[in-house]
Amino acid sequence: MPLAEELQALIAAFPGEVGIVLENLATGERFSYQETRPFPAASTIKLPMLCYALSTGADLEQKISIRPETVGLGSGILKELSPGLALPLRDILTLMIVVSDNTATNVVLDFFGHKEPFNAYYQAQGWRETHTAGMLSLPGNRPDPKREKGDFSRTSARDQAAILKALWWGELPQAQTALDILSRQQFTSFLRYIPADLDDLEEGTTPLKLYSKSGEIRCCRHDAGILAKGDRAVVMAVLTESESDPRFHPDHPAVLLIGRIAAVVYRHWLG
């Protein structure tokens, strides 16, 4: 079955909305569906935030203190560590991506002047559907004073794919640093059904590499990344929104959809 037909069948069976951009960077072949539809970004907003932080030329080795005002709930490890901790900016950016640390994200926002410079950068890059609303997962008794009521961070499959392509082709500052961090991401749905292992060192195999950022909140599951095998690479951005299952678990319909889409892409373009 042609790739597009397989993907359309998966989309039709999903109980919710989907935004997709898939592109074979070796051939230019591309599939998209609702690519400009804005979705609540969840933690995929951390990908453009990483790009902005690296674009500023800030010293990645300078130590930044974790201020109490930035400590958030939800994903991450910094909230569990001792007060008064200071870490190099490089480590804070790494935690923001690889374990999706919400406190690290808030530290980055706080350090660079909150949301305004980030959003200005996104617009200048042409990432039109991407917007940072403010700090993440602050407790109810300590809200972000700069976050407007009802505002939320958002993005689109087109923007996520454009960011990844720009990094892959070295079109953004410190692109290799960003890719190195993205290669260590610990949460992804892309690999669920792919019949290959990352960095497989068995004789005669071609290592598979993944550079990605996922995100999830109650109604949304997203994954955006570049899957590479040898000299071939594909961009995959899959955003979902559904009220069909409010639980956070590994067999969520959106998680399965993301994994199945990646398996189809792998079989047609990388297998």
Protein backbone atom coordinates (compact mmCIF):
# COMPACT_ATOMS: atom_id res chain seq x y z
CA MET A 1 0.00 0.00 0.00
CA PRO A 2 1.35 3.49 -0.81
CA LEU A 3 2.61 5.50 2.14
CA ALA A 4 -0.10 8.16 1.85
CA GLU A 5 -2.88 5.55 1.89
CA GLU A 6 -1.47 3.87 5.00
CA LEU A 7 -1.21 7.20 6.78
CA GLN A 8 -4.71 8.32 5.79
CA ALA A 9 -6.12 5.06 7.20
CA LEU A 10 -4.35 5.66 10.52
CA ILE A 11 -5.62 9.24 10.67
CA ALA A 12 -9.18 8.18 9.88
CA ALA A 13 -9.16 5.65 12.72
CA PHE A 14 -7.90 8.10 15.35
CA PRO A 15 -10.59 9.56 17.68
CA GLY A 16 -9.40 13.14 17.58
CA GLU A 17 -7.47 15.78 15.66
CA VAL A 18 -4.05 15.24 14.13
CA GLY A 19 -1.44 17.54 12.60
CA ILE A 20 1.34 15.86 10.63
CA VAL A 21 4.40 16.75 8.60
CA LEU A 22 6.65 13.95 7.33
CA GLU A 23 9.53 14.63 4.97
CA ASN A 24 12.23 12.49 3.44
CA LEU A 25 15.26 14.79 3.51
CA ALA A 26 17.11 12.71 0.93
CA THR A 27 14.40 12.73 -1.75
CA GLY A 28 12.14 15.66 -0.79
CA GLU A 29 9.07 13.40 -0.65
CA ARG A 30 6.60 14.88 1.81
CA PHE A 31 3.27 14.09 3.48
CA SER A 32 1.23 16.57 5.49
CA TYR A 33 -2.15 16.75 7.16
CA GLN A 34 -3.53 19.82 8.96
CA GLU A 35 0.05 21.03 9.17
CA THR A 36 -0.81 24.63 10.15
CA ARG A 37 -3.45 23.74 12.74
CA PRO A 38 -2.36 25.16 16.11
CA PHE A 39 -2.25 22.64 18.97
CA PRO A 40 -1.54 23.19 22.66
CA ALA A 41 2.22 22.74 22.53
CA ALA A 42 2.76 20.86 25.79
CA SER A 43 6.50 20.20 26.09
CA THR A 44 7.23 20.54 22.37
CA ILE A 45 7.43 24.29 23.10
CA LYS A 46 10.83 23.48 24.61
CA LEU A 47 12.27 22.80 21.14
CA PRO A 48 11.91 26.39 19.83
CA MET A 49 12.90 27.65 23.27
CA LEU A 50 16.17 25.71 22.99
CA CYS A 51 16.81 27.27 19.59
CA TYR A 52 16.24 30.78 20.90
CA ALA A 53 18.51 30.26 23.90
CA LEU A 54 21.33 29.00 21.67
CA SER A 55 20.82 31.88 19.22
CA THR A 56 21.61 34.52 21.86
CA GLY A 57 25.28 33.63 22.13
CA ALA A 58 24.96 33.26 25.90
CA ASP A 59 27.86 31.51 27.63
CA LEU A 60 26.69 27.92 28.07
CA GLU A 61 29.11 27.36 30.93
CA GLN A 62 27.85 30.22 33.12
CA LYS A 63 26.13 29.00 36.24
CA ILE A 64 22.51 29.98 36.85
CA SER A 65 20.80 29.68 40.22
CA ILE A 66 17.47 27.89 40.47
CA ARG A 67 15.31 30.58 42.04
CA PRO A 68 12.31 29.43 44.12
CA GLU A 69 9.99 31.46 41.87
CA THR A 70 10.87 29.20 38.92
CA VAL A 71 10.27 25.81 40.54
CA GLY A 72 7.39 24.11 38.75
CA LEU A 73 5.38 20.93 39.15
CA GLY A 74 5.08 18.12 36.65
CA SER A 75 7.93 16.55 34.73
CA GLY A 76 11.57 16.92 35.66
CA ILE A 77 14.05 16.42 38.47
CA LEU A 78 15.12 19.91 39.57
CA LYS A 79 12.03 20.31 41.76
CA GLU A 80 13.27 17.35 43.84
CA LEU A 81 16.78 18.71 44.48
CA SER A 82 18.15 20.91 47.26
CA PRO A 83 17.31 24.65 47.29
CA GLY A 84 20.04 27.02 46.15
CA LEU A 85 21.34 24.80 43.38
CA ALA A 86 23.22 26.49 40.51
CA LEU A 87 23.94 24.75 37.21
CA PRO A 88 25.62 25.70 33.93
CA LEU A 89 23.20 26.97 31.31
CA ARG A 90 24.20 24.00 29.12
CA ASP A 91 22.97 21.57 31.79
CA ILE A 92 19.74 23.49 32.31
CA LEU A 93 19.00 23.37 28.58
CA THR A 94 19.84 19.67 28.54
CA LEU A 95 17.45 18.94 31.42
CA MET A 96 14.75 21.00 29.68
CA ILE A 97 14.94 18.63 26.70
CA VAL A 98 16.11 15.17 27.78
CA VAL A 99 13.83 14.78 30.83
CA SER A 100 11.46 17.62 29.83
CA ASP A 101 12.17 19.42 33.10
CA ASN A 102 9.54 22.13 33.70
CA THR A 103 11.65 23.94 36.29
CA ALA A 104 14.60 24.06 33.89
CA THR A 105 12.24 25.53 31.29
CA ASN A 106 11.10 28.20 33.74
CA VAL A 107 14.72 29.01 34.60
CA VAL A 108 15.45 29.51 30.90
CA LEU A 109 12.42 31.80 30.52
CA ASP A 110 13.41 33.78 33.60
CA PHE A 111 17.06 34.10 32.54
CA PHE A 112 16.32 35.42 29.05
CA GLY A 113 13.62 37.92 30.03
CA HIS A 114 10.45 35.83 29.97
CA LYS A 115 8.25 35.12 26.93
CA GLU A 116 8.61 38.30 24.86
CA PRO A 117 12.06 37.69 23.32
CA PHE A 118 11.18 34.07 22.63
CA ASN A 119 7.97 34.94 20.76
CA ALA A 120 9.68 37.71 18.80
CA TYR A 121 12.33 35.19 17.71
CA TYR A 122 9.74 32.64 16.62
CA GLN A 123 7.98 35.19 14.45
CA ALA A 124 11.26 36.38 12.94
CA GLN A 125 12.03 32.77 11.97
CA GLY A 126 8.61 32.33 10.33
CA TRP A 127 7.29 29.90 12.95
CA ARG A 128 3.91 31.55 12.78
CA GLU A 129 1.82 29.12 14.84
CA THR A 130 4.33 28.86 17.70
CA HIS A 131 3.85 30.87 20.89
CA THR A 132 5.22 30.67 24.44
CA ALA A 133 2.61 31.72 27.01
CA GLY A 134 4.82 31.77 30.09
CA MET A 135 6.19 29.59 32.85
CA LEU A 136 5.09 25.97 33.10
CA SER A 137 3.23 24.13 35.85
CA LEU A 138 3.59 26.68 38.62
CA PRO A 139 1.46 25.86 41.69
CA GLY A 140 -1.87 27.62 42.04
CA ASN A 141 -0.70 29.80 44.91
CA ARG A 142 2.27 31.04 42.88
CA PRO A 143 1.04 31.88 39.36
CA ASP A 144 3.16 33.46 36.65
CA PRO A 145 2.36 37.21 36.90
CA LYS A 146 3.26 37.72 33.24
CA ARG A 147 1.01 34.97 31.91
CA GLU A 148 -2.23 36.33 30.49
CA LYS A 149 -5.43 34.64 31.64
CA GLY A 150 -6.50 31.95 29.21
CA ASP A 151 -3.26 32.06 27.22
CA PHE A 152 -1.49 28.82 26.41
CA SER A 153 1.66 27.79 24.57
CA ARG A 154 0.94 26.46 21.10
CA THR A 155 2.63 25.19 17.96
CA SER A 156 1.93 23.38 14.69
CA ALA A 157 3.34 20.38 12.87
CA ARG A 158 4.65 22.72 10.17
CA ASP A 159 6.59 24.82 12.68
CA GLN A 160 8.02 21.81 14.50
CA ALA A 161 9.17 20.29 11.21
CA ALA A 162 10.65 23.60 10.04
CA ILE A 163 12.66 23.93 13.25
CA LEU A 164 14.05 20.43 12.92
CA LYS A 165 14.97 20.90 9.27
CA ALA A 166 16.73 24.17 10.04
CA LEU A 167 18.76 22.41 12.73
CA TRP A 168 19.58 19.47 10.46
CA TRP A 169 20.86 21.72 7.67
CA GLY A 170 22.82 23.91 10.11
CA GLU A 171 20.72 26.99 9.44
CA LEU A 172 20.33 27.99 13.10
CA PRO A 173 23.07 29.04 15.53
CA GLN A 174 24.72 26.18 17.43
CA ALA A 175 22.62 23.66 15.52
CA GLN A 176 24.97 20.80 16.35
CA THR A 177 24.71 21.56 20.06
CA ALA A 178 20.93 21.45 19.77
CA LEU A 179 21.00 18.15 17.86
CA ASP A 180 23.35 16.63 20.41
CA ILE A 181 20.92 17.52 23.21
CA LEU A 182 17.91 16.28 21.21
CA SER A 183 19.68 12.95 20.58
CA ARG A 184 19.58 12.26 24.33
CA GLN A 185 15.84 12.76 24.77
CA GLN A 186 14.48 10.04 27.08
CA PHE A 187 10.79 10.12 26.13
CA THR A 188 9.54 9.20 22.66
CA SER A 189 6.72 7.26 21.02
CA PHE A 190 8.42 7.07 17.63
CA LEU A 191 10.40 3.90 18.34
CA ARG A 192 7.54 1.74 19.62
CA TYR A 193 7.02 -0.30 16.43
CA ILE A 194 10.25 0.31 14.53
CA PRO A 195 12.18 -2.95 13.99
CA ALA A 196 15.58 -1.44 14.76
CA ASP A 197 17.52 -0.19 17.78
CA LEU A 198 19.21 3.15 18.30
CA ASP A 199 23.00 2.97 17.96
CA ASP A 200 22.88 -0.76 17.15
CA LEU A 201 26.52 -1.83 17.09
CA GLU A 202 26.06 -5.33 15.72
CA GLU A 203 28.29 -6.11 12.77
CA GLY A 204 26.71 -5.29 9.45
CA THR A 205 24.05 -2.96 10.85
CA THR A 206 23.61 0.74 10.14
CA PRO A 207 23.07 2.69 13.37
CA LEU A 208 19.72 4.41 13.79
CA LYS A 209 19.73 7.89 15.38
CA LEU A 210 16.82 9.90 16.72
CA TYR A 211 16.82 13.62 17.54
CA SER A 212 13.47 14.49 19.10
CA LYS A 213 11.25 16.30 21.56
CA SER A 214 7.97 14.91 22.80
CA GLY A 215 5.20 16.50 24.82
CA GLU A 216 2.03 15.51 26.60
CA ILE A 217 -0.74 17.09 28.59
CA ARG A 218 -4.18 15.74 29.43
CA CYS A 219 -5.68 16.16 25.95
CA CYS A 220 -2.56 16.10 23.78
CA ARG A 221 0.28 13.77 22.85
CA HIS A 222 2.99 15.01 20.48
CA ASP A 223 6.34 13.93 19.11
CA ALA A 224 8.64 15.76 16.73
CA GLY A 225 12.01 14.55 15.57
CA ILE A 226 14.50 13.49 12.94
CA LEU A 227 15.10 9.79 12.42
CA ALA A 228 18.36 9.08 10.62
CA LYS A 229 19.94 5.91 9.28
CA GLY A 230 23.24 6.23 7.48
CA ASP A 231 22.98 9.02 4.93
CA ARG A 232 19.17 9.01 4.99
CA ALA A 233 17.05 11.10 7.34
CA VAL A 234 13.37 11.88 7.78
CA VAL A 235 11.59 14.64 9.67
CA MET A 236 8.50 13.58 11.59
CA ALA A 237 6.16 15.95 13.42
CA VAL A 238 2.96 14.41 14.76
CA LEU A 239 0.66 16.44 17.02
CA THR A 240 -2.60 15.08 18.42
CA GLU A 241 -5.55 16.37 20.41
CA SER A 242 -8.28 14.09 21.74
CA GLU A 243 -10.65 13.77 24.68
CA SER A 244 -11.10 10.02 24.16
CA ASP A 245 -8.75 8.96 26.96
CA PRO A 246 -7.72 11.35 29.76
CA ARG A 247 -5.18 8.97 31.31
CA PHE A 248 -1.40 9.08 30.99
CA HIS A 249 -0.36 5.56 30.01
CA PRO A 250 1.85 3.87 27.37
CA ASP A 251 -1.08 2.45 25.38
CA HIS A 252 -2.90 5.75 24.92
CA PRO A 253 -4.47 5.88 21.41
CA ALA A 254 -2.34 8.89 20.48
CA VAL A 255 0.86 7.19 21.61
CA LEU A 256 -0.01 4.16 19.49
CA LEU A 257 -0.84 6.41 16.52
CA ILE A 258 2.52 8.20 16.75
CA GLY A 259 4.36 4.89 16.92
CA ARG A 260 2.46 3.44 13.96
CA ILE A 261 3.06 6.52 11.82
CA ALA A 262 6.79 6.30 12.56
CA ALA A 263 6.80 2.59 11.65
CA VAL A 264 5.16 3.33 8.29
CA VAL A 265 7.68 6.08 7.59
CA TYR A 266 10.57 3.84 8.58
CA ARG A 267 9.41 1.00 6.32
CA HIS A 268 8.90 3.24 3.28
CA TRP A 269 11.87 5.60 3.65
CA LEU A 270 14.50 4.01 5.88
CA GLY A 271 13.94 0.25 6.07
